[in-house]
PDB file of N, CA and C in Angstrom:
ATOM      1  N   UNK A   1     109.202  23.743 -26.747  1.00  0.00           N
ATOM      2  CA  UNK A   1     110.334  22.682 -26.818  1.00  0.00           C
ATOM      3  C   UNK A   1     110.767  22.411 -25.405  1.00  0.00           C
ATOM      4  N   UNK A   2     111.185  21.229 -25.244  1.00  0.00           N
ATOM      5  CA  UNK A   2     111.621  20.745 -24.015  1.00  0.00           C
ATOM      6  C   UNK A   2     113.113  21.204 -23.743  1.00  0.00           C
ATOM      7  N   UNK A   3     113.421  21.748 -22.637  1.00  0.00           N
ATOM      8  CA  UNK A   3     114.673  22.192 -22.278  1.00  0.00           C
ATOM      9  C   UNK A   3     115.493  21.032 -21.649  1.00  0.00           C
ATOM     10  N   UNK A   4     116.301  20.402 -22.624  1.00  0.00           N
ATOM     11  CA  UNK A   4     117.059  19.166 -22.265  1.00  0.00           C
ATOM     12  C   UNK A   4     118.155  19.483 -21.321  1.00  0.00           C
ATOM     13  N   UNK A   5     118.689  20.690 -21.336  1.00  0.00           N
ATOM     14  CA  UNK A   5     119.727  21.018 -20.329  1.00  0.00           C
ATOM     15  C   UNK A   5     119.215  21.059 -18.933  1.00  0.00           C
ATOM     16  N   UNK A   6     118.039  21.631 -18.835  1.00  0.00           N
ATOM     17  CA  UNK A   6     117.370  21.637 -17.445  1.00  0.00           C
ATOM     18  C   UNK A   6     116.978  20.243 -16.950  1.00  0.00           C
ATOM     19  N   UNK A   7     116.540  19.435 -17.790  1.00  0.00           N
ATOM     20  CA  UNK A   7     116.235  18.046 -17.317  1.00  0.00           C
ATOM     21  C   UNK A   7     117.587  17.320 -16.931  1.00  0.00           C
ATOM     22  N   UNK A   8     118.535  17.579 -17.723  1.00  0.00           N
ATOM     23  CA  UNK A   8     119.842  16.872 -17.393  1.00  0.00           C
ATOM     24  C   UNK A   8     120.379  17.401 -16.119  1.00  0.00           C
ATOM     25  N   UNK A   9     120.435  18.677 -15.853  1.00  0.00           N
ATOM     26  CA  UNK A   9     120.895  19.223 -14.691  1.00  0.00           C
ATOM     27  C   UNK A   9     120.085  18.771 -13.434  1.00  0.00           C
ATOM     28  N   UNK A  10     118.673  18.742 -13.565  1.00  0.00           N
ATOM     29  CA  UNK A  10     117.913  18.254 -12.435  1.00  0.00           C
ATOM     30  C   UNK A  10     118.150  16.740 -12.162  1.00  0.00           C
ATOM     31  N   UNK A  11     118.333  15.991 -13.200  1.00  0.00           N
ATOM     32  CA  UNK A  11     118.695  14.541 -12.986  1.00  0.00           C
ATOM     33  C   UNK A  11     119.877  14.332 -12.254  1.00  0.00           C
ATOM     34  N   UNK A  12     120.965  15.107 -12.629  1.00  0.00           N
ATOM     35  CA  UNK A  12     122.276  15.025 -12.026  1.00  0.00           C
ATOM     36  C   UNK A  12     122.230  15.428 -10.548  1.00  0.00           C
ATOM     37  N   UNK A  13     121.495  16.576 -10.359  1.00  0.00           N
ATOM     38  CA  UNK A  13     121.302  17.012  -8.855  1.00  0.00           C
ATOM     39  C   UNK A  13     120.501  15.996  -8.047  1.00  0.00           C
ATOM     40  N   UNK A  14     119.470  15.411  -8.602  1.00  0.00           N
ATOM     41  CA  UNK A  14     118.824  14.353  -7.856  1.00  0.00           C
ATOM     42  C   UNK A  14     119.598  13.249  -7.598  1.00  0.00           C
ATOM     43  N   UNK A  15     120.457  12.714  -8.586  1.00  0.00           N
ATOM     44  CA  UNK A  15     121.323  11.611  -8.342  1.00  0.00           C
ATOM     45  C   UNK A  15     122.396  11.843  -7.355  1.00  0.00           C
ATOM     46  N   UNK A  16     122.907  13.054  -7.396  1.00  0.00           N
ATOM     47  CA  UNK A  16     124.022  13.472  -6.452  1.00  0.00           C
ATOM     48  C   UNK A  16     123.445  13.574  -5.099  1.00  0.00           C
ATOM     49  N   UNK A  17     122.207  14.107  -4.878  1.00  0.00           N
ATOM     50  CA  UNK A  17     121.556  14.232  -3.534  1.00  0.00           C
ATOM     51  C   UNK A  17     121.327  12.835  -2.970  1.00  0.00           C
ATOM     52  N   UNK A  18     120.814  11.928  -3.794  1.00  0.00           N
ATOM     53  CA  UNK A  18     120.580  10.555  -3.379  1.00  0.00           C
ATOM     54  C   UNK A  18     121.814   9.850  -2.916  1.00  0.00           C
ATOM     55  N   UNK A  19     122.942   9.942  -3.687  1.00  0.00           N
ATOM     56  CA  UNK A  19     124.193   9.391  -3.294  1.00  0.00           C
ATOM     57  C   UNK A  19     124.736   9.977  -2.048  1.00  0.00           C
ATOM     58  N   UNK A  20     124.558  11.282  -1.910  1.00  0.00           N
ATOM     59  CA  UNK A  20     125.082  11.926  -0.679  1.00  0.00           C
ATOM     60  C   UNK A  20     124.307  11.440   0.592  1.00  0.00           C
ATOM     61  N   UNK A  21     123.027  11.251   0.482  1.00  0.00           N
ATOM     62  CA  UNK A  21     122.275  10.826   1.612  1.00  0.00           C
ATOM     63  C   UNK A  21     122.637   9.383   1.920  1.00  0.00           C
ATOM     64  N   UNK A  22     122.855   8.632   0.868  1.00  0.00           N
ATOM     65  CA  UNK A  22     123.259   7.217   1.020  1.00  0.00           C
ATOM     66  C   UNK A  22     124.557   7.110   1.766  1.00  0.00           C
ATOM     67  N   UNK A  23     125.473   7.979   1.447  1.00  0.00           N
ATOM     68  CA  UNK A  23     126.758   8.041   2.112  1.00  0.00           C
ATOM     69  C   UNK A  23     126.723   8.417   3.554  1.00  0.00           C
ATOM     70  N   UNK A  24     125.711   9.276   3.895  1.00  0.00           N
ATOM     71  CA  UNK A  24     125.657   9.632   5.314  1.00  0.00           C
ATOM     72  C   UNK A  24     124.874   8.621   6.080  1.00  0.00           C
ATOM     73  N   UNK A  25     124.430   7.610   5.571  1.00  0.00           N
ATOM     74  CA  UNK A  25     123.554   6.650   6.289  1.00  0.00           C
ATOM     75  C   UNK A  25     122.133   6.935   6.438  1.00  0.00           C
ATOM     76  N   UNK A  26     121.664   7.926   5.643  1.00  0.00           N
ATOM     77  CA  UNK A  26     120.208   8.326   5.746  1.00  0.00           C
ATOM     78  C   UNK A  26     119.322   7.448   4.841  1.00  0.00           C
ATOM     79  N   UNK A  27     119.898   6.569   4.136  1.00  0.00           N
ATOM     80  CA  UNK A  27     119.030   5.816   3.180  1.00  0.00           C
ATOM     81  C   UNK A  27     119.627   4.397   3.132  1.00  0.00           C
ATOM     82  N   UNK A  28     119.071   3.583   2.418  1.00  0.00           N
ATOM     83  CA  UNK A  28     119.613   2.233   2.165  1.00  0.00           C
ATOM     84  C   UNK A  28     119.106   1.222   3.132  1.00  0.00           C
ATOM     85  N   UNK A  29     119.736   0.087   3.104  1.00  0.00           N
ATOM     86  CA  UNK A  29     119.364  -1.143   3.882  1.00  0.00           C
ATOM     87  C   UNK A  29     120.012  -0.944   5.277  1.00  0.00           C
ATOM     88  N   UNK A  30     119.254  -1.342   6.317  1.00  0.00           N
ATOM     89  CA  UNK A  30     119.831  -1.336   7.673  1.00  0.00           C
ATOM     90  C   UNK A  30     120.148  -2.800   8.006  1.00  0.00           C
ATOM     91  N   UNK A  31     121.047  -2.947   8.897  1.00  0.00           N
ATOM     92  CA  UNK A  31     121.554  -4.303   9.258  1.00  0.00           C
ATOM     93  C   UNK A  31     120.697  -4.928  10.265  1.00  0.00           C
ATOM     94  N   UNK A  32     119.890  -4.144  11.029  1.00  0.00           N
ATOM     95  CA  UNK A  32     118.943  -4.734  11.987  1.00  0.00           C
ATOM     96  C   UNK A  32     117.540  -4.916  11.484  1.00  0.00           C
ATOM     97  N   UNK A  33     116.797  -5.875  11.824  1.00  0.00           N
ATOM     98  CA  UNK A  33     115.593  -6.107  11.249  1.00  0.00           C
ATOM     99  C   UNK A  33     114.483  -5.022  11.520  1.00  0.00           C
ATOM    100  N   UNK A  34     113.685  -4.732  10.626  1.00  0.00           N
ATOM    101  CA  UNK A  34     112.685  -3.693  10.865  1.00  0.00           C
ATOM    102  C   UNK A  34     111.519  -4.178  11.714  1.00  0.00           C
ATOM    103  N   UNK A  35     111.136  -3.216  12.619  1.00  0.00           N
ATOM    104  CA  UNK A  35     110.014  -3.519  13.559  1.00  0.00           C
ATOM    105  C   UNK A  35     108.690  -3.053  12.844  1.00  0.00           C
ATOM    106  N   UNK A  36     107.688  -3.707  13.139  1.00  0.00           N
ATOM    107  CA  UNK A  36     106.445  -3.270  12.573  1.00  0.00           C
ATOM    108  C   UNK A  36     105.831  -2.143  13.466  1.00  0.00           C
ATOM    109  N   UNK A  37     105.039  -1.208  12.822  1.00  0.00           N
ATOM    110  CA  UNK A  37     104.571  -0.040  13.616  1.00  0.00           C
ATOM    111  C   UNK A  37     103.374  -0.436  14.427  1.00  0.00           C
ATOM    112  N   UNK A  38     102.927  -1.607  14.441  1.00  0.00           N
ATOM    113  CA  UNK A  38     101.795  -2.194  15.153  1.00  0.00           C
ATOM    114  C   UNK A  38     102.126  -2.224  16.664  1.00  0.00           C
ATOM    115  N   UNK A  39     101.411  -1.548  17.456  1.00  0.00           N
ATOM    116  CA  UNK A  39     101.550  -1.639  18.979  1.00  0.00           C
ATOM    117  C   UNK A  39     102.948  -1.196  19.409  1.00  0.00           C
ATOM    118  N   UNK A  40     103.534  -0.251  18.812  1.00  0.00           N
ATOM    119  CA  UNK A  40     104.770   0.222  19.248  1.00  0.00           C
ATOM    120  C   UNK A  40     105.939  -0.646  18.839  1.00  0.00           C
ATOM    121  N   UNK A  41     105.798  -1.455  17.795  1.00  0.00           N
ATOM    122  CA  UNK A  41     106.928  -2.269  17.415  1.00  0.00           C
ATOM    123  C   UNK A  41     106.828  -3.774  17.661  1.00  0.00           C
ATOM    124  N   UNK A  42     105.832  -4.112  18.394  1.00  0.00           N
ATOM    125  CA  UNK A  42     105.717  -5.623  18.710  1.00  0.00           C
ATOM    126  C   UNK A  42     104.959  -6.282  17.550  1.00  0.00           C
ATOM    127  N   UNK A  43     105.138  -7.552  17.351  1.00  0.00           N
ATOM    128  CA  UNK A  43     104.593  -8.255  16.291  1.00  0.00           C
ATOM    129  C   UNK A  43     103.079  -8.401  16.536  1.00  0.00           C
ATOM    130  N   UNK A  44     102.248  -8.317  15.466  1.00  0.00           N
ATOM    131  CA  UNK A  44     100.824  -8.476  15.638  1.00  0.00           C
ATOM    132  C   UNK A  44     100.511  -9.905  15.792  1.00  0.00           C
ATOM    133  N   UNK A  45      99.350 -10.173  16.498  1.00  0.00           N
ATOM    134  CA  UNK A  45      98.972 -11.523  16.754  1.00  0.00           C
ATOM    135  C   UNK A  45      98.188 -12.065  15.530  1.00  0.00           C
ATOM    136  N   UNK A  46      97.430 -11.257  14.853  1.00  0.00           N
ATOM    137  CA  UNK A  46      96.748 -11.674  13.638  1.00  0.00           C
ATOM    138  C   UNK A  46      97.029 -10.837  12.508  1.00  0.00           C
ATOM    139  N   UNK A  47      96.761 -11.320  11.275  1.00  0.00           N
ATOM    140  CA  UNK A  47      96.991 -10.562  10.152  1.00  0.00           C
ATOM    141  C   UNK A  47      95.928  -9.377  10.082  1.00  0.00           C
ATOM    142  N   UNK A  48      96.305  -8.263   9.484  1.00  0.00           N
ATOM    143  CA  UNK A  48      95.473  -7.091   9.470  1.00  0.00           C
ATOM    144  C   UNK A  48      94.151  -7.399   8.693  1.00  0.00           C
ATOM    145  N   UNK A  49      94.121  -8.229   7.683  1.00  0.00           N
ATOM    146  CA  UNK A  49      92.885  -8.518   7.028  1.00  0.00           C
ATOM    147  C   UNK A  49      91.922  -9.333   7.877  1.00  0.00           C
ATOM    148  N   UNK A  50      92.391 -10.035   8.841  1.00  0.00           N
ATOM    149  CA  UNK A  50      91.521 -10.874   9.715  1.00  0.00           C
ATOM    150  C   UNK A  50      90.705  -9.958  10.703  1.00  0.00           C
ATOM    151  N   UNK A  51      91.139  -8.680  10.880  1.00  0.00           N
ATOM    152  CA  UNK A  51      90.458  -7.868  11.858  1.00  0.00           C
ATOM    153  C   UNK A  51      89.280  -7.173  11.318  1.00  0.00           C
ATOM    154  N   UNK A  52      89.268  -7.067   9.928  1.00  0.00           N
ATOM    155  CA  UNK A  52      88.147  -6.332   9.322  1.00  0.00           C
ATOM    156  C   UNK A  52      87.243  -7.325   8.492  1.00  0.00           C
ATOM    157  N   UNK A  53      86.000  -7.304   8.871  1.00  0.00           N
ATOM    158  CA  UNK A  53      85.150  -8.241   8.210  1.00  0.00           C
ATOM    159  C   UNK A  53      84.252  -7.417   7.272  1.00  0.00           C
ATOM    160  N   UNK A  54      84.004  -7.957   6.130  1.00  0.00           N
ATOM    161  CA  UNK A  54      83.204  -7.334   5.137  1.00  0.00           C
ATOM    162  C   UNK A  54      81.779  -7.814   5.249  1.00  0.00           C
ATOM    163  N   UNK A  55      81.018  -7.075   6.138  1.00  0.00           N
ATOM    164  CA  UNK A  55      79.675  -7.435   6.445  1.00  0.00           C
ATOM    165  C   UNK A  55      78.574  -6.593   5.811  1.00  0.00           C
ATOM    166  N   UNK A  56      79.103  -5.521   5.142  1.00  0.00           N
ATOM    167  CA  UNK A  56      78.247  -4.514   4.602  1.00  0.00           C
ATOM    168  C   UNK A  56      77.808  -4.859   3.208  1.00  0.00           C
ATOM    169  N   UNK A  57      78.304  -5.829   2.561  1.00  0.00           N
ATOM    170  CA  UNK A  57      77.961  -6.105   1.071  1.00  0.00           C
ATOM    171  C   UNK A  57      76.503  -6.409   0.994  1.00  0.00           C
ATOM    172  N   UNK A  58      75.858  -7.164   1.884  1.00  0.00           N
ATOM    173  CA  UNK A  58      74.457  -7.544   1.759  1.00  0.00           C
ATOM    174  C   UNK A  58      73.686  -6.310   1.952  1.00  0.00           C
ATOM    175  N   UNK A  59      73.925  -5.484   2.933  1.00  0.00           N
ATOM    176  CA  UNK A  59      73.235  -4.187   3.059  1.00  0.00           C
ATOM    177  C   UNK A  59      73.323  -3.322   1.905  1.00  0.00           C
ATOM    178  N   UNK A  60      74.460  -3.426   1.232  1.00  0.00           N
ATOM    179  CA  UNK A  60      74.680  -2.569  -0.004  1.00  0.00           C
ATOM    180  C   UNK A  60      73.772  -3.131  -1.133  1.00  0.00           C
ATOM    181  N   UNK A  61      73.650  -4.372  -1.252  1.00  0.00           N
ATOM    182  CA  UNK A  61      72.788  -4.943  -2.258  1.00  0.00           C
ATOM    183  C   UNK A  61      71.306  -4.569  -1.981  1.00  0.00           C
ATOM    184  N   UNK A  62      70.948  -4.608  -0.738  1.00  0.00           N
ATOM    185  CA  UNK A  62      69.566  -4.269  -0.424  1.00  0.00           C
ATOM    186  C   UNK A  62      69.351  -2.780  -0.667  1.00  0.00           C
ATOM    187  N   UNK A  63      70.265  -1.916  -0.368  1.00  0.00           N
ATOM    188  CA  UNK A  63      70.140  -0.450  -0.734  1.00  0.00           C
ATOM    189  C   UNK A  63      70.010  -0.245  -2.243  1.00  0.00           C
ATOM    190  N   UNK A  64      70.841  -1.023  -3.035  1.00  0.00           N
ATOM    191  CA  UNK A  64      70.724  -0.826  -4.509  1.00  0.00           C
ATOM    192  C   UNK A  64      69.419  -1.298  -4.977  1.00  0.00           C
ATOM    193  N   UNK A  65      68.784  -2.385  -4.368  1.00  0.00           N
ATOM    194  CA  UNK A  65      67.473  -2.830  -4.746  1.00  0.00           C
ATOM    195  C   UNK A  65      66.397  -1.648  -4.468  1.00  0.00           C
ATOM    196  N   UNK A  66      66.369  -1.116  -3.294  1.00  0.00           N
ATOM    197  CA  UNK A  66      65.393   0.004  -3.006  1.00  0.00           C
ATOM    198  C   UNK A  66      65.720   1.179  -3.855  1.00  0.00           C
ATOM    199  N   UNK A  67      66.965   1.531  -4.033  1.00  0.00           N
ATOM    200  CA  UNK A  67      67.366   2.683  -4.952  1.00  0.00           C
ATOM    201  C   UNK A  67      66.809   2.494  -6.431  1.00  0.00           C
ATOM    202  N   UNK A  68      67.058   1.320  -7.036  1.00  0.00           N
ATOM    203  CA  UNK A  68      66.602   1.014  -8.369  1.00  0.00           C
ATOM    204  C   UNK A  68      65.075   1.083  -8.348  1.00  0.00           C
ATOM    205  N   UNK A  69      64.452   0.600  -7.408  1.00  0.00           N
ATOM    206  CA  UNK A  69      63.018   0.631  -7.361  1.00  0.00           C
ATOM    207  C   UNK A  69      62.459   2.090  -7.345  1.00  0.00           C
ATOM    208  N   UNK A  70      63.082   3.015  -6.616  1.00  0.00           N
ATOM    209  CA  UNK A  70      62.729   4.446  -6.678  1.00  0.00           C
ATOM    210  C   UNK A  70      63.045   5.063  -7.904  1.00  0.00           C
ATOM    211  N   UNK A  71      64.262   4.727  -8.464  1.00  0.00           N
ATOM    212  CA  UNK A  71      64.624   5.347  -9.724  1.00  0.00           C
ATOM    213  C   UNK A  71      63.710   5.035 -10.867  1.00  0.00           C
ATOM    214  N   UNK A  72      63.103   3.864 -10.849  1.00  0.00           N
ATOM    215  CA  UNK A  72      62.202   3.514 -11.963  1.00  0.00           C
ATOM    216  C   UNK A  72      60.690   3.882 -11.639  1.00  0.00           C
ATOM    217  N   UNK A  73      60.388   4.149 -10.350  1.00  0.00           N
ATOM    218  CA  UNK A  73      59.037   4.549  -9.968  1.00  0.00           C
ATOM    219  C   UNK A  73      58.735   5.902 -10.463  1.00  0.00           C
ATOM    220  N   UNK A  74      59.551   6.910 -10.426  1.00  0.00           N
ATOM    221  CA  UNK A  74      59.213   8.256 -10.833  1.00  0.00           C
ATOM    222  C   UNK A  74      58.922   8.343 -12.327  1.00  0.00           C
ATOM    223  N   UNK A  75      59.791   7.845 -13.208  1.00  0.00           N
ATOM    224  CA  UNK A  75      59.391   7.948 -14.596  1.00  0.00           C
ATOM    225  C   UNK A  75      58.240   7.092 -14.996  1.00  0.00           C
ATOM    226  N   UNK A  76      58.014   5.938 -14.207  1.00  0.00           N
ATOM    227  CA  UNK A  76      56.887   5.081 -14.372  1.00  0.00           C
ATOM    228  C   UNK A  76      55.577   5.746 -14.136  1.00  0.00           C
ATOM    229  N   UNK A  77      55.542   6.608 -13.154  1.00  0.00           N
ATOM    230  CA  UNK A  77      54.343   7.397 -12.795  1.00  0.00           C
ATOM    231  C   UNK A  77      53.858   8.213 -13.972  1.00  0.00           C
ATOM    232  N   UNK A  78      54.827   8.830 -14.716  1.00  0.00           N
ATOM    233  CA  UNK A  78      54.455   9.634 -15.902  1.00  0.00           C
ATOM    234  C   UNK A  78      53.993   8.731 -16.963  1.00  0.00           C
ATOM    235  N   UNK A  79      54.596   7.653 -17.201  1.00  0.00           N
ATOM    236  CA  UNK A  79      54.262   6.648 -18.328  1.00  0.00           C
ATOM    237  C   UNK A  79      52.920   5.943 -18.081  1.00  0.00           C
ATOM    238  N   UNK A  80      52.648   5.788 -16.795  1.00  0.00           N
ATOM    239  CA  UNK A  80      51.423   5.025 -16.396  1.00  0.00           C
ATOM    240  C   UNK A  80      50.215   5.839 -16.885  1.00  0.00           C
ATOM    241  N   UNK A  81      50.241   7.178 -16.900  1.00  0.00           N
ATOM    242  CA  UNK A  81      49.063   7.868 -17.316  1.00  0.00           C
ATOM    243  C   UNK A  81      48.805   7.660 -18.810  1.00  0.00           C
ATOM    244  N   UNK A  82      49.870   7.429 -19.599  1.00  0.00           N
ATOM    245  CA  UNK A  82      49.700   7.199 -21.026  1.00  0.00           C
ATOM    246  C   UNK A  82      49.464   5.776 -21.384  1.00  0.00           C
ATOM    247  N   UNK A  83      50.154   4.861 -20.707  1.00  0.00           N
ATOM    248  CA  UNK A  83      50.096   3.447 -21.050  1.00  0.00           C
ATOM    249  C   UNK A  83      48.961   2.636 -20.466  1.00  0.00           C
ATOM    250  N   UNK A  84      48.625   2.988 -19.187  1.00  0.00           N
ATOM    251  CA  UNK A  84      47.566   2.315 -18.473  1.00  0.00           C
ATOM    252  C   UNK A  84      47.946   0.959 -17.943  1.00  0.00           C
ATOM    253  N   UNK A  85      47.201  -0.029 -18.258  1.00  0.00           N
ATOM    254  CA  UNK A  85      47.313  -1.421 -17.601  1.00  0.00           C
ATOM    255  C   UNK A  85      48.676  -1.996 -18.050  1.00  0.00           C
ATOM    256  N   UNK A  86      49.118  -1.754 -19.161  1.00  0.00           N
ATOM    257  CA  UNK A  86      50.418  -2.421 -19.603  1.00  0.00           C
ATOM    258  C   UNK A  86      51.567  -1.957 -18.704  1.00  0.00           C
ATOM    259  N   UNK A  87      51.474  -0.651 -18.349  1.00  0.00           N
ATOM    260  CA  UNK A  87      52.534  -0.106 -17.523  1.00  0.00           C
ATOM    261  C   UNK A  87      52.370  -0.735 -16.046  1.00  0.00           C
ATOM    262  N   UNK A  88      51.171  -0.975 -15.662  1.00  0.00           N
ATOM    263  CA  UNK A  88      50.902  -1.501 -14.338  1.00  0.00           C
ATOM    264  C   UNK A  88      51.421  -2.939 -14.216  1.00  0.00           C
ATOM    265  N   UNK A  89      51.244  -3.681 -15.343  1.00  0.00           N
ATOM    266  CA  UNK A  89      51.745  -5.019 -15.344  1.00  0.00           C
ATOM    267  C   UNK A  89      53.283  -5.134 -15.319  1.00  0.00           C
ATOM    268  N   UNK A  90      53.913  -4.199 -16.146  1.00  0.00           N
ATOM    269  CA  UNK A  90      55.319  -4.276 -16.102  1.00  0.00           C
ATOM    270  C   UNK A  90      55.915  -3.810 -14.852  1.00  0.00           C
ATOM    271  N   UNK A  91      55.359  -2.811 -14.089  1.00  0.00           N
ATOM    272  CA  UNK A  91      55.786  -2.462 -12.711  1.00  0.00           C
ATOM    273  C   UNK A  91      55.571  -3.568 -11.749  1.00  0.00           C
ATOM    274  N   UNK A  92      54.409  -4.256 -11.893  1.00  0.00           N
ATOM    275  CA  UNK A  92      54.195  -5.444 -10.985  1.00  0.00           C
ATOM    276  C   UNK A  92      55.286  -6.445 -11.149  1.00  0.00           C
ATOM    277  N   UNK A  93      55.751  -6.802 -12.385  1.00  0.00           N
ATOM    278  CA  UNK A  93      56.733  -7.750 -12.591  1.00  0.00           C
ATOM    279  C   UNK A  93      58.090  -7.262 -11.994  1.00  0.00           C
ATOM    280  N   UNK A  94      58.400  -5.918 -12.186  1.00  0.00           N
ATOM    281  CA  UNK A  94      59.645  -5.343 -11.653  1.00  0.00           C
ATOM    282  C   UNK A  94      59.648  -5.440 -10.138  1.00  0.00           C
ATOM    283  N   UNK A  95      58.529  -5.173  -9.537  1.00  0.00           N
ATOM    284  CA  UNK A  95      58.411  -5.198  -8.029  1.00  0.00           C
ATOM    285  C   UNK A  95      58.553  -6.592  -7.526  1.00  0.00           C
ATOM    286  N   UNK A  96      57.882  -7.576  -8.293  1.00  0.00           N
ATOM    287  CA  UNK A  96      58.026  -8.978  -7.894  1.00  0.00           C
ATOM    288  C   UNK A  96      59.505  -9.483  -7.783  1.00  0.00           C
ATOM    289  N   UNK A  97      60.249  -9.072  -8.872  1.00  0.00           N
ATOM    290  CA  UNK A  97      61.691  -9.462  -8.895  1.00  0.00           C
ATOM    291  C   UNK A  97      62.405  -8.789  -7.755  1.00  0.00           C
ATOM    292  N   UNK A  98      62.100  -7.537  -7.450  1.00  0.00           N
ATOM    293  CA  UNK A  98      62.826  -6.964  -6.335  1.00  0.00           C
ATOM    294  C   UNK A  98      62.423  -7.571  -5.013  1.00  0.00           C
ATOM    295  N   UNK A  99      61.107  -7.888  -4.906  1.00  0.00           N
ATOM    296  CA  UNK A  99      60.609  -8.513  -3.680  1.00  0.00           C
ATOM    297  C   UNK A  99      61.382  -9.878  -3.412  1.00  0.00           C
ATOM    298  N   UNK A 100      61.659 -10.569  -4.556  1.00  0.00           N
ATOM    299  CA  UNK A 100      62.377 -11.905  -4.387  1.00  0.00           C
ATOM    300  C   UNK A 100      63.807 -11.655  -3.694  1.00  0.00           C
ATOM    301  N   UNK A 101      64.375 -10.534  -4.248  1.00  0.00           N
ATOM    302  CA  UNK A 101      65.695 -10.175  -3.732  1.00  0.00           C
ATOM    303  C   UNK A 101      65.642  -9.684  -2.291  1.00  0.00           C
ATOM    304  N   UNK A 102      64.631  -9.059  -1.879  1.00  0.00           N
ATOM    305  CA  UNK A 102      64.399  -8.507  -0.543  1.00  0.00           C
ATOM    306  C   UNK A 102      64.139  -9.750   0.428  1.00  0.00           C
ATOM    307  N   UNK A 103      63.290 -10.624  -0.041  1.00  0.00           N
ATOM    308  CA  UNK A 103      63.041 -11.881   0.746  1.00  0.00           C
ATOM    309  C   UNK A 103      64.227 -12.701   0.984  1.00  0.00           C
ATOM    310  N   UNK A 104      65.093 -12.824  -0.036  1.00  0.00           N
ATOM    311  CA  UNK A 104      66.327 -13.473   0.065  1.00  0.00           C
ATOM    312  C   UNK A 104      67.206 -12.870   1.184  1.00  0.00           C
ATOM    313  N   UNK A 105      67.258 -11.503   1.053  1.00  0.00           N
ATOM    314  CA  UNK A 105      68.087 -10.831   2.067  1.00  0.00           C
ATOM    315  C   UNK A 105      67.532 -11.040   3.472  1.00  0.00           C
ATOM    316  N   UNK A 106      66.248 -11.012   3.586  1.00  0.00           N
ATOM    317  CA  UNK A 106      65.604 -11.203   4.880  1.00  0.00           C
ATOM    318  C   UNK A 106      66.004 -12.579   5.440  1.00  0.00           C
ATOM    319  N   UNK A 107      65.951 -13.643   4.524  1.00  0.00           N
ATOM    320  CA  UNK A 107      66.218 -14.909   4.902  1.00  0.00           C
ATOM    321  C   UNK A 107      67.749 -14.983   5.370  1.00  0.00           C
ATOM    322  N   UNK A 108      68.589 -14.263   4.744  1.00  0.00           N
ATOM    323  CA  UNK A 108      70.011 -14.223   5.061  1.00  0.00           C
ATOM    324  C   UNK A 108      70.307 -13.381   6.325  1.00  0.00           C
ATOM    325  N   UNK A 109      69.364 -12.632   6.820  1.00  0.00           N
ATOM    326  CA  UNK A 109      69.587 -11.931   8.116  1.00  0.00           C
ATOM    327  C   UNK A 109      70.059 -10.543   7.884  1.00  0.00           C
ATOM    328  N   UNK A 110      69.730  -9.910   6.778  1.00  0.00           N
ATOM    329  CA  UNK A 110      70.244  -8.491   6.526  1.00  0.00           C
ATOM    330  C   UNK A 110      69.648  -7.587   7.484  1.00  0.00           C
ATOM    331  N   UNK A 111      68.477  -7.709   7.923  1.00  0.00           N
ATOM    332  CA  UNK A 111      67.813  -6.726   8.783  1.00  0.00           C
ATOM    333  C   UNK A 111      68.109  -6.893  10.199  1.00  0.00           C
ATOM    334  N   UNK A 112      68.961  -7.897  10.602  1.00  0.00           N
ATOM    335  CA  UNK A 112      69.408  -8.035  12.030  1.00  0.00           C
ATOM    336  C   UNK A 112      70.643  -7.251  12.273  1.00  0.00           C
ATOM    337  N   UNK A 113      70.556  -6.268  13.193  1.00  0.00           N
ATOM    338  CA  UNK A 113      71.662  -5.444  13.528  1.00  0.00           C
ATOM    339  C   UNK A 113      72.545  -6.068  14.608  1.00  0.00           C
ATOM    340  N   UNK A 114      73.867  -6.109  14.355  1.00  0.00           N
ATOM    341  CA  UNK A 114      74.664  -6.800  15.357  1.00  0.00           C
ATOM    342  C   UNK A 114      75.594  -5.913  16.081  1.00  0.00           C
TER     343      UNK A 114
END
């Protein structure tokens, strides 16, 4: 069972502490404007999001393409012994689709390090 008296006493203590700190000037709104912590309080020249460029998304897509290829190659090697030519054709189609994605990435310049 929940101890309602303990919850009530804790709530009153938290409220009293907050009001006491407010009365001593340790909380609440300040009359002077807040400085930003960037460069010791000076205003930043650009917004924070403009400094970080998301250039890793294309490399991530390429990694996923290679990872998916390897993830399907291992079980395919076991099935290939049982299925034969049918499994070879299916893997050829799978690799062709992945190759199109890799060629697209190459065209977009994923492999160029900057």
